[in-house]
């Protein structure tokens, strides 16, 4: 029953994207796109809930902001927005692109997934972006829980050289990240690095470059039971 219900919800979302997620230039299409933002992309839940935090001086994380929040972050001094949902042809991206252009903030798109082990080249691309950020910077995904948590952890590990124990806190219930779900694969990436560090010193970037394997990570995580995942 639950499987059929999820299929129906996904089908409804697919049809809603096709019906409402249009361009934002034409006034009538813009109305449809605003409807999409609020009800299909769940923007209405993010009006008051922001999942916002400063993880390091000048480095902020949140869920997907609307224009009013982008204005607030601009007033905080934010120069760069790191969009971890990637560039898409849906209304939420068009509005974000419009807001950043209007407010003079650089928009950088990285297409991460919340329920999949990131490919090596994408992780290295992300590390390269983190090295060159024009700060202050805001990073976000949709809910600010999973993809944002992973990149926040990567920032602490790679840029600030923080211990894994501190980086792991970026993927936690405090940000509504649930490691026992499919999104726990992001925790598992950090856990694999922690195991390797326990054997001997190696930087996060070097580990990604020389030892990380996305397919092996996916296969290993799939074998974990509920209680094994919750301990990550």
Protein backbone atom coordinates (compact mmCIF):
# COMPACT_ATOMS: atom_id res chain seq x y z
CA UNK A 1 0.00 0.00 0.00
CA UNK A 2 2.72 2.46 0.98
CA UNK A 3 4.60 1.70 -2.24
CA UNK A 4 1.54 2.44 -4.34
CA UNK A 5 0.92 5.64 -2.38
CA UNK A 6 4.48 6.83 -3.00
CA UNK A 7 4.11 6.08 -6.71
CA UNK A 8 0.93 8.16 -6.82
CA UNK A 9 2.62 11.05 -5.01
CA UNK A 10 5.59 10.96 -7.39
CA UNK A 11 3.27 10.85 -10.39
CA UNK A 12 1.33 13.83 -9.02
CA UNK A 13 4.57 15.75 -8.54
CA UNK A 14 5.70 14.89 -12.08
CA UNK A 15 2.44 16.12 -13.58
CA UNK A 16 2.48 19.22 -11.39
CA UNK A 17 5.99 20.10 -12.56
CA UNK A 18 4.85 19.81 -16.15
CA UNK A 19 1.76 21.90 -15.49
CA UNK A 20 3.09 24.63 -13.22
CA UNK A 21 6.88 24.79 -13.45
CA UNK A 22 7.18 27.18 -16.37
CA UNK A 23 9.16 30.28 -17.19
CA UNK A 24 8.82 33.30 -14.93
CA UNK A 25 8.79 36.08 -17.52
CA UNK A 26 5.22 35.91 -18.78
CA UNK A 27 2.86 37.15 -16.01
CA UNK A 28 0.47 34.20 -16.29
CA UNK A 29 3.27 31.65 -16.42
CA UNK A 30 4.90 33.35 -13.45
CA UNK A 31 1.75 32.81 -11.39
CA UNK A 32 1.85 29.11 -12.22
CA UNK A 33 5.51 28.96 -11.29
CA UNK A 34 4.86 30.67 -7.95
CA UNK A 35 2.18 28.05 -7.29
CA UNK A 36 4.73 25.35 -8.13
CA UNK A 37 7.27 26.86 -5.75
CA UNK A 38 4.88 26.94 -2.81
CA UNK A 39 2.98 23.69 -3.23
CA UNK A 40 4.98 21.27 -5.39
CA UNK A 41 8.47 22.28 -4.24
CA UNK A 42 7.12 22.72 -0.66
CA UNK A 43 8.25 26.33 -0.44
CA UNK A 44 5.33 27.10 1.84
CA UNK A 45 7.04 25.02 4.56
CA UNK A 46 10.15 27.18 4.25
CA UNK A 47 8.52 30.54 4.89
CA UNK A 48 9.17 30.27 8.63
CA UNK A 49 11.46 27.23 8.83
CA UNK A 50 14.88 28.13 7.40
CA UNK A 51 17.22 25.44 8.77
CA UNK A 52 19.80 28.22 8.98
CA UNK A 53 23.18 28.13 10.69
CA UNK A 54 26.63 29.67 10.41
CA UNK A 55 29.02 26.71 10.33
CA UNK A 56 32.20 28.83 10.15
CA UNK A 57 32.91 32.56 9.94
CA UNK A 58 31.21 33.76 6.76
CA UNK A 59 29.89 30.32 5.77
CA UNK A 60 26.13 29.83 6.12
CA UNK A 61 23.81 26.91 5.42
CA UNK A 62 20.03 26.79 4.98
CA UNK A 63 17.17 25.24 3.06
CA UNK A 64 16.12 26.71 -0.30
CA UNK A 65 15.42 30.44 0.26
CA UNK A 66 12.75 32.59 -1.32
CA UNK A 67 13.48 36.12 -2.57
CA UNK A 68 12.83 37.81 0.78
CA UNK A 69 15.35 35.53 2.45
CA UNK A 70 17.90 36.11 -0.30
CA UNK A 71 17.53 39.82 0.48
CA UNK A 72 18.19 39.09 4.16
CA UNK A 73 21.29 37.07 3.31
CA UNK A 74 22.50 39.81 0.95
CA UNK A 75 22.20 42.21 3.88
CA UNK A 76 24.36 39.78 5.90
CA UNK A 77 27.02 40.35 3.27
CA UNK A 78 26.58 37.11 1.32
CA UNK A 79 28.39 37.32 -2.01
CA UNK A 80 28.09 33.73 -3.23
CA UNK A 81 25.22 31.24 -3.25
CA UNK A 82 26.15 27.57 -3.60
CA UNK A 83 23.09 25.74 -4.93
CA UNK A 84 23.51 22.02 -4.29
CA UNK A 85 20.34 21.11 -6.18
CA UNK A 86 22.07 21.87 -9.47
CA UNK A 87 20.81 23.85 -12.43
CA UNK A 88 17.37 22.66 -13.53
CA UNK A 89 14.52 23.71 -15.81
CA UNK A 90 12.07 24.13 -12.93
CA UNK A 91 10.62 27.27 -11.39
CA UNK A 92 12.55 27.06 -8.13
CA UNK A 93 15.79 27.43 -10.07
CA UNK A 94 14.51 30.24 -12.31
CA UNK A 95 13.45 32.27 -9.27
CA UNK A 96 16.77 31.65 -7.53
CA UNK A 97 18.68 32.71 -10.64
CA UNK A 98 16.56 35.85 -10.87
CA UNK A 99 17.07 36.72 -7.19
CA UNK A 100 20.84 36.27 -7.30
CA UNK A 101 21.15 38.38 -10.46
CA UNK A 102 18.98 41.14 -9.00
CA UNK A 103 20.87 41.18 -5.68
CA UNK A 104 24.35 40.93 -7.16
CA UNK A 105 25.24 37.51 -5.72
CA UNK A 106 27.20 34.89 -7.65
CA UNK A 107 25.26 31.65 -8.15
CA UNK A 108 27.23 28.39 -8.34
CA UNK A 109 25.37 25.16 -9.14
CA UNK A 110 26.49 21.69 -8.04
CA UNK A 111 24.10 18.79 -8.83
CA UNK A 112 24.34 16.58 -5.75
CA UNK A 113 21.81 13.89 -4.83
CA UNK A 114 20.57 13.20 -1.32
CA UNK A 115 20.14 9.44 -1.70
CA UNK A 116 23.18 8.45 -3.74
CA UNK A 117 26.92 8.21 -3.19
CA UNK A 118 28.43 11.18 -5.07
CA UNK A 119 30.74 10.35 -7.95
CA UNK A 120 34.43 11.03 -7.36
CA UNK A 121 34.67 13.79 -9.99
CA UNK A 122 31.70 15.61 -8.48
CA UNK A 123 33.21 15.51 -4.99
CA UNK A 124 36.51 16.84 -6.34
CA UNK A 125 34.64 19.56 -8.23
CA UNK A 126 32.89 20.51 -4.98
CA UNK A 127 36.19 20.67 -3.08
CA UNK A 128 37.62 22.89 -5.82
CA UNK A 129 34.64 25.24 -5.50
CA UNK A 130 35.02 25.36 -1.71
CA UNK A 131 38.67 26.33 -2.09
CA UNK A 132 37.80 29.32 -4.29
CA UNK A 133 34.63 30.66 -2.65
CA UNK A 134 34.17 34.41 -2.55
CA UNK A 135 32.89 34.74 1.01
CA UNK A 136 30.56 35.26 2.77
CA UNK A 137 28.79 32.28 1.21
CA UNK A 138 25.40 30.60 1.62
CA UNK A 139 25.06 26.93 0.70
CA UNK A 140 21.69 25.25 0.38
CA UNK A 141 19.80 22.31 -1.09
CA UNK A 142 16.02 21.82 -0.80
CA UNK A 143 15.60 21.15 2.92
CA UNK A 144 19.13 22.02 4.02
CA UNK A 145 19.47 18.64 5.70
CA UNK A 146 21.31 16.15 3.51
CA UNK A 147 23.30 17.56 0.57
CA UNK A 148 23.97 20.74 2.52
CA UNK A 149 25.04 18.64 5.50
CA UNK A 150 27.54 16.70 3.40
CA UNK A 151 29.11 19.81 1.86
CA UNK A 152 29.21 21.51 5.26
CA UNK A 153 31.13 18.49 6.57
CA UNK A 154 33.44 18.65 3.56
CA UNK A 155 34.12 22.32 4.25
CA UNK A 156 35.11 21.59 7.84
CA UNK A 157 37.32 18.68 6.81
CA UNK A 158 39.00 20.16 3.77
CA UNK A 159 39.14 23.91 4.35
CA UNK A 160 39.33 24.12 8.16
CA UNK A 161 41.05 20.76 8.80
CA UNK A 162 38.56 19.94 11.55
CA UNK A 163 38.38 16.40 12.98
CA UNK A 164 35.85 13.95 11.56
CA UNK A 165 33.97 13.98 14.87
CA UNK A 166 33.18 17.66 14.38
CA UNK A 167 32.39 17.35 10.68
CA UNK A 168 29.88 14.58 11.39
CA UNK A 169 27.74 17.03 13.35
CA UNK A 170 26.82 18.68 10.06
CA UNK A 171 24.77 15.57 9.23
CA UNK A 172 22.49 15.33 12.26
CA UNK A 173 18.93 15.45 13.51
CA UNK A 174 19.56 19.08 14.49
CA UNK A 175 19.30 19.82 10.75
CA UNK A 176 16.57 17.16 10.20
CA UNK A 177 19.01 14.73 8.62
CA UNK A 178 18.04 11.09 9.31
CA UNK A 179 20.90 8.66 8.87
CA UNK A 180 18.73 5.53 8.99
CA UNK A 181 16.98 6.49 5.74
CA UNK A 182 18.45 6.31 2.23
CA UNK A 183 20.11 9.68 2.86
CA UNK A 184 22.35 7.88 5.37
CA UNK A 185 24.62 7.04 2.44
CA UNK A 186 26.05 10.54 2.86
CA UNK A 187 26.97 9.71 6.47
CA UNK A 188 28.54 6.53 5.19
CA UNK A 189 30.91 8.50 2.94
CA UNK A 190 32.18 10.37 6.01
CA UNK A 191 32.27 7.13 8.01
CA UNK A 192 34.48 5.46 5.40
CA UNK A 193 36.87 8.38 5.57
CA UNK A 194 36.92 8.16 9.38
CA UNK A 195 37.86 4.48 9.18
CA UNK A 196 40.70 5.29 6.79
CA UNK A 197 42.01 8.08 9.03
CA UNK A 198 42.06 5.62 11.93
CA UNK A 199 44.58 3.56 9.95
CA UNK A 200 46.87 6.51 9.27
CA UNK A 201 46.78 10.20 8.35
CA UNK A 202 45.39 11.14 4.96
CA UNK A 203 43.64 14.33 3.86
CA UNK A 204 40.02 14.18 2.77
CA UNK A 205 40.92 15.35 -0.73
CA UNK A 206 43.71 12.79 -1.13
CA UNK A 207 41.38 10.05 0.09
CA UNK A 208 38.77 11.04 -2.50
CA UNK A 209 41.40 11.21 -5.25
CA UNK A 210 43.10 7.90 -4.52
CA UNK A 211 40.76 5.58 -2.62
CA UNK A 212 37.09 6.62 -2.74
CA UNK A 213 34.81 4.48 -4.93
CA UNK A 214 31.19 5.57 -5.34
CA UNK A 215 29.91 2.21 -6.59
CA UNK A 216 31.60 0.27 -3.80
CA UNK A 217 30.22 2.77 -1.27
CA UNK A 218 26.72 2.29 -2.65
CA UNK A 219 27.00 -1.50 -2.53
CA UNK A 220 28.37 -1.54 1.03
CA UNK A 221 25.72 0.87 2.33
CA UNK A 222 22.95 -1.19 0.76
CA UNK A 223 23.98 -4.16 2.92
CA UNK A 224 23.63 -2.24 6.17
CA UNK A 225 20.61 -2.92 8.35
CA UNK A 226 18.55 -0.30 10.20
CA UNK A 227 20.56 -0.46 13.44
CA UNK A 228 23.86 -0.34 11.60
CA UNK A 229 22.74 2.79 9.77
CA UNK A 230 21.49 4.53 12.87
CA UNK A 231 24.95 4.13 14.44
CA UNK A 232 26.66 6.01 11.61
